[in-house]
PDB file of N, CA and C in Angstrom:
ATOM      1  N   MET A   1     -35.239 -19.199  53.032  1.00  0.00           N
ATOM      2  CA  MET A   1     -34.208 -19.470  52.038  1.00  0.00           C
ATOM      3  C   MET A   1     -34.751 -19.276  50.627  1.00  0.00           C
ATOM      4  N   ARG A   2     -35.914 -19.850  50.362  1.00  0.00           N
ATOM      5  CA  ARG A   2     -36.495 -19.734  49.027  1.00  0.00           C
ATOM      6  C   ARG A   2     -36.860 -18.275  48.722  1.00  0.00           C
ATOM      7  N   LEU A   3     -37.360 -17.572  49.733  1.00  0.00           N
ATOM      8  CA  LEU A   3     -37.734 -16.174  49.529  1.00  0.00           C
ATOM      9  C   LEU A   3     -36.499 -15.322  49.246  1.00  0.00           C
ATOM     10  N   ALA A   4     -35.406 -15.606  49.928  1.00  0.00           N
ATOM     11  CA  ALA A   4     -34.169 -14.860  49.703  1.00  0.00           C
ATOM     12  C   ALA A   4     -33.631 -15.121  48.303  1.00  0.00           C
ATOM     13  N   LEU A   5     -33.679 -16.370  47.864  1.00  0.00           N
ATOM     14  CA  LEU A   5     -33.227 -16.706  46.515  1.00  0.00           C
ATOM     15  C   LEU A   5     -34.104 -16.035  45.469  1.00  0.00           C
ATOM     16  N   PHE A   6     -35.409 -16.120  45.666  1.00  0.00           N
ATOM     17  CA  PHE A   6     -36.340 -15.504  44.727  1.00  0.00           C
ATOM     18  C   PHE A   6     -36.157 -13.988  44.688  1.00  0.00           C
ATOM     19  N   SER A   7     -35.987 -13.378  45.833  1.00  0.00           N
ATOM     20  CA  SER A   7     -35.771 -11.927  45.880  1.00  0.00           C
ATOM     21  C   SER A   7     -34.459 -11.537  45.206  1.00  0.00           C
ATOM     22  N   GLY A   8     -33.420 -12.322  45.441  1.00  0.00           N
ATOM     23  CA  GLY A   8     -32.132 -12.035  44.815  1.00  0.00           C
ATOM     24  C   GLY A   8     -32.180 -12.141  43.303  1.00  0.00           C
ATOM     25  N   VAL A   9     -32.852 -13.167  42.807  1.00  0.00           N
ATOM     26  CA  VAL A   9     -32.965 -13.331  41.356  1.00  0.00           C
ATOM     27  C   VAL A   9     -33.837 -12.229  40.767  1.00  0.00           C
ATOM     28  N   THR A  10     -34.883 -11.833  41.472  1.00  0.00           N
ATOM     29  CA  THR A  10     -35.737 -10.736  40.998  1.00  0.00           C
ATOM     30  C   THR A  10     -34.947  -9.442  40.906  1.00  0.00           C
ATOM     31  N   ILE A  11     -34.163  -9.149  41.918  1.00  0.00           N
ATOM     32  CA  ILE A  11     -33.342  -7.926  41.909  1.00  0.00           C
ATOM     33  C   ILE A  11     -32.301  -7.993  40.800  1.00  0.00           C
ATOM     34  N   ALA A  12     -31.677  -9.160  40.628  1.00  0.00           N
ATOM     35  CA  ALA A  12     -30.673  -9.308  39.568  1.00  0.00           C
ATOM     36  C   ALA A  12     -31.294  -9.134  38.192  1.00  0.00           C
ATOM     37  N   ALA A  13     -32.473  -9.712  37.975  1.00  0.00           N
ATOM     38  CA  ALA A  13     -33.140  -9.576  36.677  1.00  0.00           C
ATOM     39  C   ALA A  13     -33.525  -8.126  36.404  1.00  0.00           C
ATOM     40  N   LEU A  14     -34.013  -7.447  37.428  1.00  0.00           N
ATOM     41  CA  LEU A  14     -34.363  -6.030  37.250  1.00  0.00           C
ATOM     42  C   LEU A  14     -33.134  -5.170  36.981  1.00  0.00           C
ATOM     43  N   LEU A  15     -32.022  -5.475  37.652  1.00  0.00           N
ATOM     44  CA  LEU A  15     -30.789  -4.726  37.399  1.00  0.00           C
ATOM     45  C   LEU A  15     -30.263  -4.965  35.985  1.00  0.00           C
ATOM     46  N   ILE A  16     -30.326  -6.212  35.536  1.00  0.00           N
ATOM     47  CA  ILE A  16     -29.903  -6.519  34.163  1.00  0.00           C
ATOM     48  C   ILE A  16     -30.763  -5.758  33.174  1.00  0.00           C
ATOM     49  N   LEU A  17     -32.060  -5.789  33.390  1.00  0.00           N
ATOM     50  CA  LEU A  17     -32.975  -5.071  32.498  1.00  0.00           C
ATOM     51  C   LEU A  17     -32.723  -3.572  32.540  1.00  0.00           C
ATOM     52  N   TRP A  18     -32.463  -3.037  33.723  1.00  0.00           N
ATOM     53  CA  TRP A  18     -32.239  -1.607  33.876  1.00  0.00           C
ATOM     54  C   TRP A  18     -30.947  -1.163  33.179  1.00  0.00           C
ATOM     55  N   PHE A  19     -29.873  -1.962  33.275  1.00  0.00           N
ATOM     56  CA  PHE A  19     -28.612  -1.597  32.644  1.00  0.00           C
ATOM     57  C   PHE A  19     -28.612  -1.850  31.140  1.00  0.00           C
ATOM     58  N   GLU A  20     -29.303  -2.866  30.689  1.00  0.00           N
ATOM     59  CA  GLU A  20     -29.263  -3.233  29.280  1.00  0.00           C
ATOM     60  C   GLU A  20     -30.291  -2.510  28.422  1.00  0.00           C
ATOM     61  N   TRP A  21     -31.377  -2.040  29.011  1.00  0.00           N
ATOM     62  CA  TRP A  21     -32.445  -1.454  28.203  1.00  0.00           C
ATOM     63  C   TRP A  21     -32.016  -0.204  27.427  1.00  0.00           C
ATOM     64  N   PRO A  22     -31.201   0.698  27.984  1.00  0.00           N
ATOM     65  CA  PRO A  22     -30.776   1.851  27.162  1.00  0.00           C
ATOM     66  C   PRO A  22     -30.005   1.427  25.903  1.00  0.00           C
ATOM     67  N   ARG A  23     -29.222   0.350  26.002  1.00  0.00           N
ATOM     68  CA  ARG A  23     -28.510  -0.145  24.818  1.00  0.00           C
ATOM     69  C   ARG A  23     -29.450  -0.847  23.847  1.00  0.00           C
ATOM     70  N   MET A  24     -30.550  -1.353  24.360  1.00  0.00           N
ATOM     71  CA  MET A  24     -31.483  -2.119  23.530  1.00  0.00           C
ATOM     72  C   MET A  24     -32.459  -1.223  22.773  1.00  0.00           C
ATOM     73  N   LYS A  25     -32.508   0.063  23.086  1.00  0.00           N
ATOM     74  CA  LYS A  25     -33.461   0.956  22.423  1.00  0.00           C
ATOM     75  C   LYS A  25     -33.226   1.025  20.921  1.00  0.00           C
ATOM     76  N   ALA A  26     -31.982   0.921  20.484  1.00  0.00           N
ATOM     77  CA  ALA A  26     -31.666   0.995  19.059  1.00  0.00           C
ATOM     78  C   ALA A  26     -31.811  -0.352  18.363  1.00  0.00           C
ATOM     79  N   LYS A  27     -32.026  -1.416  19.128  1.00  0.00           N
ATOM     80  CA  LYS A  27     -32.121  -2.764  18.568  1.00  0.00           C
ATOM     81  C   LYS A  27     -33.548  -3.054  18.098  1.00  0.00           C
ATOM     82  N   PRO A  28     -33.700  -4.062  17.235  1.00  0.00           N
ATOM     83  CA  PRO A  28     -35.052  -4.412  16.782  1.00  0.00           C
ATOM     84  C   PRO A  28     -35.889  -5.059  17.890  1.00  0.00           C
ATOM     85  N   ILE A  29     -37.178  -5.149  17.616  1.00  0.00           N
ATOM     86  CA  ILE A  29     -38.121  -5.696  18.587  1.00  0.00           C
ATOM     87  C   ILE A  29     -37.767  -7.141  18.962  1.00  0.00           C
ATOM     88  N   LYS A  30     -37.257  -7.922  18.008  1.00  0.00           N
ATOM     89  CA  LYS A  30     -36.914  -9.325  18.285  1.00  0.00           C
ATOM     90  C   LYS A  30     -35.840  -9.430  19.360  1.00  0.00           C
ATOM     91  N   ASP A  31     -34.867  -8.554  19.316  1.00  0.00           N
ATOM     92  CA  ASP A  31     -33.806  -8.574  20.322  1.00  0.00           C
ATOM     93  C   ASP A  31     -34.347  -8.205  21.697  1.00  0.00           C
ATOM     94  N   LYS A  32     -35.234  -7.224  21.749  1.00  0.00           N
ATOM     95  CA  LYS A  32     -35.849  -6.840  23.013  1.00  0.00           C
ATOM     96  C   LYS A  32     -36.692  -7.988  23.570  1.00  0.00           C
ATOM     97  N   ALA A  33     -37.441  -8.625  22.687  1.00  0.00           N
ATOM     98  CA  ALA A  33     -38.280  -9.749  23.119  1.00  0.00           C
ATOM     99  C   ALA A  33     -37.424 -10.903  23.614  1.00  0.00           C
ATOM    100  N   ALA A  34     -36.288 -11.148  22.973  1.00  0.00           N
ATOM    101  CA  ALA A  34     -35.397 -12.228  23.403  1.00  0.00           C
ATOM    102  C   ALA A  34     -34.833 -11.931  24.792  1.00  0.00           C
ATOM    103  N   LEU A  35     -34.414 -10.714  25.027  1.00  0.00           N
ATOM    104  CA  LEU A  35     -33.882 -10.333  26.337  1.00  0.00           C
ATOM    105  C   LEU A  35     -34.935 -10.509  27.422  1.00  0.00           C
ATOM    106  N   VAL A  36     -36.107  -9.982  27.175  1.00  0.00           N
ATOM    107  CA  VAL A  36     -37.167 -10.055  28.183  1.00  0.00           C
ATOM    108  C   VAL A  36     -37.601 -11.501  28.406  1.00  0.00           C
ATOM    109  N   SER A  37     -37.716 -12.277  27.340  1.00  0.00           N
ATOM    110  CA  SER A  37     -38.176 -13.658  27.508  1.00  0.00           C
ATOM    111  C   SER A  37     -37.138 -14.511  28.240  1.00  0.00           C
ATOM    112  N   LEU A  38     -35.856 -14.327  27.964  1.00  0.00           N
ATOM    113  CA  LEU A  38     -34.829 -15.081  28.686  1.00  0.00           C
ATOM    114  C   LEU A  38     -34.785 -14.707  30.162  1.00  0.00           C
ATOM    115  N   LEU A  39     -34.929 -13.424  30.452  1.00  0.00           N
ATOM    116  CA  LEU A  39     -34.975 -13.013  31.856  1.00  0.00           C
ATOM    117  C   LEU A  39     -36.224 -13.562  32.543  1.00  0.00           C
ATOM    118  N   LEU A  40     -37.342 -13.578  31.836  1.00  0.00           N
ATOM    119  CA  LEU A  40     -38.581 -14.088  32.409  1.00  0.00           C
ATOM    120  C   LEU A  40     -38.505 -15.595  32.653  1.00  0.00           C
ATOM    121  N   ILE A  41     -37.914 -16.336  31.721  1.00  0.00           N
ATOM    122  CA  ILE A  41     -37.758 -17.782  31.902  1.00  0.00           C
ATOM    123  C   ILE A  41     -36.865 -18.070  33.105  1.00  0.00           C
ATOM    124  N   GLY A  42     -35.762 -17.381  33.217  1.00  0.00           N
ATOM    125  CA  GLY A  42     -34.880 -17.572  34.367  1.00  0.00           C
ATOM    126  C   GLY A  42     -35.552 -17.210  35.675  1.00  0.00           C
ATOM    127  N   TRP A  43     -36.342 -16.151  35.652  1.00  0.00           N
ATOM    128  CA  TRP A  43     -37.058 -15.720  36.851  1.00  0.00           C
ATOM    129  C   TRP A  43     -38.111 -16.752  37.241  1.00  0.00           C
ATOM    130  N   LEU A  44     -38.822 -17.291  36.264  1.00  0.00           N
ATOM    131  CA  LEU A  44     -39.849 -18.294  36.550  1.00  0.00           C
ATOM    132  C   LEU A  44     -39.246 -19.608  37.049  1.00  0.00           C
ATOM    133  N   LEU A  45     -38.081 -19.974  36.541  1.00  0.00           N
ATOM    134  CA  LEU A  45     -37.442 -21.211  36.979  1.00  0.00           C
ATOM    135  C   LEU A  45     -37.002 -21.152  38.443  1.00  0.00           C
ATOM    136  N   THR A  46     -36.810 -19.952  38.983  1.00  0.00           N
ATOM    137  CA  THR A  46     -36.447 -19.853  40.396  1.00  0.00           C
ATOM    138  C   THR A  46     -37.613 -20.210  41.301  1.00  0.00           C
ATOM    139  N   MET A  47     -38.838 -20.139  40.790  1.00  0.00           N
ATOM    140  CA  MET A  47     -39.999 -20.494  41.601  1.00  0.00           C
ATOM    141  C   MET A  47     -40.165 -22.006  41.729  1.00  0.00           C
ATOM    142  N   LEU A  48     -39.577 -22.775  40.819  1.00  0.00           N
ATOM    143  CA  LEU A  48     -39.713 -24.222  40.847  1.00  0.00           C
ATOM    144  C   LEU A  48     -38.646 -24.843  41.733  1.00  0.00           C
ATOM    145  N   ASP A  49     -38.979 -25.963  42.330  1.00  0.00           N
ATOM    146  CA  ASP A  49     -38.022 -26.707  43.143  1.00  0.00           C
ATOM    147  C   ASP A  49     -37.469 -27.835  42.268  1.00  0.00           C
ATOM    148  N   LEU A  50     -36.634 -27.489  41.312  1.00  0.00           N
ATOM    149  CA  LEU A  50     -36.188 -28.439  40.300  1.00  0.00           C
ATOM    150  C   LEU A  50     -35.409 -29.631  40.843  1.00  0.00           C
ATOM    151  N   PRO A  51     -34.540 -29.494  41.841  1.00  0.00           N
ATOM    152  CA  PRO A  51     -33.834 -30.688  42.327  1.00  0.00           C
ATOM    153  C   PRO A  51     -34.767 -31.728  42.945  1.00  0.00           C
ATOM    154  N   ASN A  52     -35.900 -31.313  43.475  1.00  0.00           N
ATOM    155  CA  ASN A  52     -36.815 -32.245  44.122  1.00  0.00           C
ATOM    156  C   ASN A  52     -38.054 -32.539  43.281  1.00  0.00           C
ATOM    157  N   THR A  53     -38.069 -32.131  42.035  1.00  0.00           N
ATOM    158  CA  THR A  53     -39.204 -32.388  41.164  1.00  0.00           C
ATOM    159  C   THR A  53     -39.099 -33.805  40.607  1.00  0.00           C
ATOM    160  N   PRO A  54     -40.187 -34.591  40.715  1.00  0.00           N
ATOM    161  CA  PRO A  54     -40.127 -35.945  40.163  1.00  0.00           C
ATOM    162  C   PRO A  54     -40.038 -35.911  38.642  1.00  0.00           C
ATOM    163  N   GLY A  55     -39.393 -36.915  38.102  1.00  0.00           N
ATOM    164  CA  GLY A  55     -39.178 -36.964  36.664  1.00  0.00           C
ATOM    165  C   GLY A  55     -40.321 -37.630  35.913  1.00  0.00           C
ATOM    166  N   PRO A  56     -40.140 -37.821  34.619  1.00  0.00           N
ATOM    167  CA  PRO A  56     -41.200 -38.412  33.806  1.00  0.00           C
ATOM    168  C   PRO A  56     -41.467 -39.878  34.139  1.00  0.00           C
ATOM    169  N   THR A  57     -40.474 -40.596  34.641  1.00  0.00           N
ATOM    170  CA  THR A  57     -40.716 -41.998  34.989  1.00  0.00           C
ATOM    171  C   THR A  57     -41.673 -42.115  36.167  1.00  0.00           C
ATOM    172  N   THR A  58     -41.634 -41.167  37.085  1.00  0.00           N
ATOM    173  CA  THR A  58     -42.565 -41.167  38.204  1.00  0.00           C
ATOM    174  C   THR A  58     -43.995 -40.973  37.716  1.00  0.00           C
ATOM    175  N   LEU A  59     -44.164 -40.109  36.738  1.00  0.00           N
ATOM    176  CA  LEU A  59     -45.489 -39.885  36.163  1.00  0.00           C
ATOM    177  C   LEU A  59     -45.990 -41.146  35.464  1.00  0.00           C
ATOM    178  N   LEU A  60     -45.133 -41.781  34.684  1.00  0.00           N
ATOM    179  CA  LEU A  60     -45.539 -43.002  33.990  1.00  0.00           C
ATOM    180  C   LEU A  60     -45.862 -44.128  34.960  1.00  0.00           C
ATOM    181  N   GLU A  61     -45.106 -44.242  36.040  1.00  0.00           N
ATOM    182  CA  GLU A  61     -45.408 -45.251  37.055  1.00  0.00           C
ATOM    183  C   GLU A  61     -46.764 -45.001  37.693  1.00  0.00           C
ATOM    184  N   ALA A  62     -47.091 -43.747  37.943  1.00  0.00           N
ATOM    185  CA  ALA A  62     -48.383 -43.426  38.549  1.00  0.00           C
ATOM    186  C   ALA A  62     -49.536 -43.737  37.593  1.00  0.00           C
ATOM    187  N   ILE A  63     -49.313 -43.525  36.299  1.00  0.00           N
ATOM    188  CA  ILE A  63     -50.373 -43.787  35.318  1.00  0.00           C
ATOM    189  C   ILE A  63     -50.593 -45.282  35.133  1.00  0.00           C
ATOM    190  N   PHE A  64     -49.522 -46.036  35.001  1.00  0.00           N
ATOM    191  CA  PHE A  64     -49.643 -47.446  34.646  1.00  0.00           C
ATOM    192  C   PHE A  64     -49.649 -48.400  35.842  1.00  0.00           C
ATOM    193  N   LYS A  65     -49.548 -47.908  37.060  1.00  0.00           N
ATOM    194  CA  LYS A  65     -49.562 -48.772  38.238  1.00  0.00           C
ATOM    195  C   LYS A  65     -50.863 -49.573  38.367  1.00  0.00           C
ATOM    196  N   PRO A  66     -52.028 -48.997  38.082  1.00  0.00           N
ATOM    197  CA  PRO A  66     -53.256 -49.798  38.175  1.00  0.00           C
ATOM    198  C   PRO A  66     -53.311 -50.957  37.188  1.00  0.00           C
ATOM    199  N   PHE A  67     -52.603 -50.889  36.083  1.00  0.00           N
ATOM    200  CA  PHE A  67     -52.627 -51.923  35.065  1.00  0.00           C
ATOM    201  C   PHE A  67     -51.571 -53.013  35.298  1.00  0.00           C
ATOM    202  N   ARG A  68     -50.794 -52.895  36.375  1.00  0.00           N
ATOM    203  CA  ARG A  68     -49.721 -53.851  36.625  1.00  0.00           C
ATOM    204  C   ARG A  68     -50.261 -55.284  36.783  1.00  0.00           C
ATOM    205  N   GLY A  69     -51.405 -55.426  37.404  1.00  0.00           N
ATOM    206  CA  GLY A  69     -51.986 -56.750  37.595  1.00  0.00           C
ATOM    207  C   GLY A  69     -52.426 -57.392  36.290  1.00  0.00           C
ATOM    208  N   LEU A  70     -52.804 -56.611  35.316  1.00  0.00           N
ATOM    209  CA  LEU A  70     -53.223 -57.155  34.024  1.00  0.00           C
ATOM    210  C   LEU A  70     -52.040 -57.633  33.178  1.00  0.00           C
ATOM    211  N   VAL A  71     -50.903 -56.995  33.346  1.00  0.00           N
ATOM    212  CA  VAL A  71     -49.753 -57.305  32.510  1.00  0.00           C
ATOM    213  C   VAL A  71     -48.879 -58.395  33.131  1.00  0.00           C
ATOM    214  N   GLU A  72     -48.635 -58.319  34.418  1.00  0.00           N
ATOM    215  CA  GLU A  72     -47.758 -59.284  35.080  1.00  0.00           C
ATOM    216  C   GLU A  72     -48.540 -60.513  35.547  1.00  0.00           C
ATOM    217  N   LYS A  73     -47.885 -61.643  35.523  1.00  0.00           N
ATOM    218  CA  LYS A  73     -48.504 -62.873  36.020  1.00  0.00           C
ATOM    219  C   LYS A  73     -47.614 -63.550  37.010  1.00  0.00           C
TER     220      LYS A  73
END
């Protein structure tokens, strides 16, 4: 499932780049960089398992759990 999703997003990103790049040739470098960076960010986010990623509170609990005995009585 993950491989199919990753492959689909990779193909979609390449197709977007392939169709948009001829129009982008006349645009400045900043516009080209924005297109490539947004596609790259979206492509990289498909590699992460965001719905099952623990949040910042989980990290803070892991850091401060050893100190719980010092603070609570």
